[in-house]
């Protein structure tokens, strides 16, 4: 901590930022885990049938 202070690093701000990122990553991981079956099924549908409304794309 002494070195961080000497370098002008705001420790509490750094900890808050780290915790926000940690929470965001954990929420994302849990969402992906909770929806893994749907994601797999959707990816398989896209692989089999292509993207929805793909025939309407002009680019």
Protein backbone atom coordinates (compact mmCIF):
# COMPACT_ATOMS: atom_id res chain seq x y z
CA UNK A 1 0.00 0.00 0.00
CA UNK A 2 2.81 2.36 0.72
CA UNK A 3 4.20 2.01 -2.79
CA UNK A 4 0.75 2.56 -4.31
CA UNK A 5 0.34 5.74 -2.29
CA UNK A 6 3.82 6.88 -3.30
CA UNK A 7 2.84 6.40 -6.94
CA UNK A 8 -0.31 8.46 -6.43
CA UNK A 9 -2.69 5.54 -6.87
CA UNK A 10 -6.06 6.05 -5.22
CA UNK A 11 -6.46 2.73 -3.43
CA UNK A 12 -10.16 2.96 -2.61
CA UNK A 13 -11.01 4.07 -6.15
CA UNK A 14 -8.91 1.24 -7.58
CA UNK A 15 -10.63 -1.29 -5.30
CA UNK A 16 -14.07 0.02 -6.26
CA UNK A 17 -13.21 -0.20 -9.94
CA UNK A 18 -11.87 -3.74 -9.53
CA UNK A 19 -14.98 -4.85 -7.64
CA UNK A 20 -17.30 -3.33 -10.29
CA UNK A 21 -15.42 -5.24 -12.99
CA UNK A 22 -15.45 -8.43 -10.92
CA UNK A 23 -19.22 -8.16 -10.37
CA UNK A 24 -19.85 -7.42 -14.07
CA UNK A 25 -17.77 -10.41 -15.15
CA UNK A 26 -19.51 -12.72 -12.66
CA UNK A 27 -22.96 -11.55 -13.77
CA UNK A 28 -22.00 -12.14 -17.39
CA UNK A 29 -20.63 -15.60 -16.58
CA UNK A 30 -23.79 -16.55 -14.69
CA UNK A 31 -26.04 -15.21 -17.46
CA UNK A 32 -24.16 -17.27 -20.04
CA UNK A 33 -24.36 -20.32 -17.80
CA UNK A 34 -28.10 -19.83 -17.13
CA UNK A 35 -28.84 -19.40 -20.86
CA UNK A 36 -26.38 -21.92 -22.27
CA UNK A 37 -29.13 -24.24 -23.57
CA UNK A 38 -30.85 -21.42 -25.46
CA UNK A 39 -27.55 -20.12 -26.87
CA UNK A 40 -26.62 -23.59 -28.10
CA UNK A 41 -30.05 -24.12 -29.67
CA UNK A 42 -30.01 -20.68 -31.33
CA UNK A 43 -26.52 -21.22 -32.71
CA UNK A 44 -27.60 -24.57 -34.11
CA UNK A 45 -30.66 -22.99 -35.73
CA UNK A 46 -28.50 -20.29 -37.32
CA UNK A 47 -26.05 -22.93 -38.55
CA UNK A 48 -28.90 -24.97 -40.06
CA UNK A 49 -31.13 -22.20 -41.39
CA UNK A 50 -28.98 -19.05 -41.56
CA UNK A 51 -29.67 -15.77 -39.86
CA UNK A 52 -33.26 -14.63 -39.42
CA UNK A 53 -34.27 -12.13 -42.11
CA UNK A 54 -30.97 -12.76 -43.90
CA UNK A 55 -32.77 -12.78 -47.25
CA UNK A 56 -33.83 -9.16 -46.65
CA UNK A 57 -30.26 -7.90 -46.20
CA UNK A 58 -29.01 -5.76 -49.07
CA UNK A 59 -25.41 -5.36 -47.90
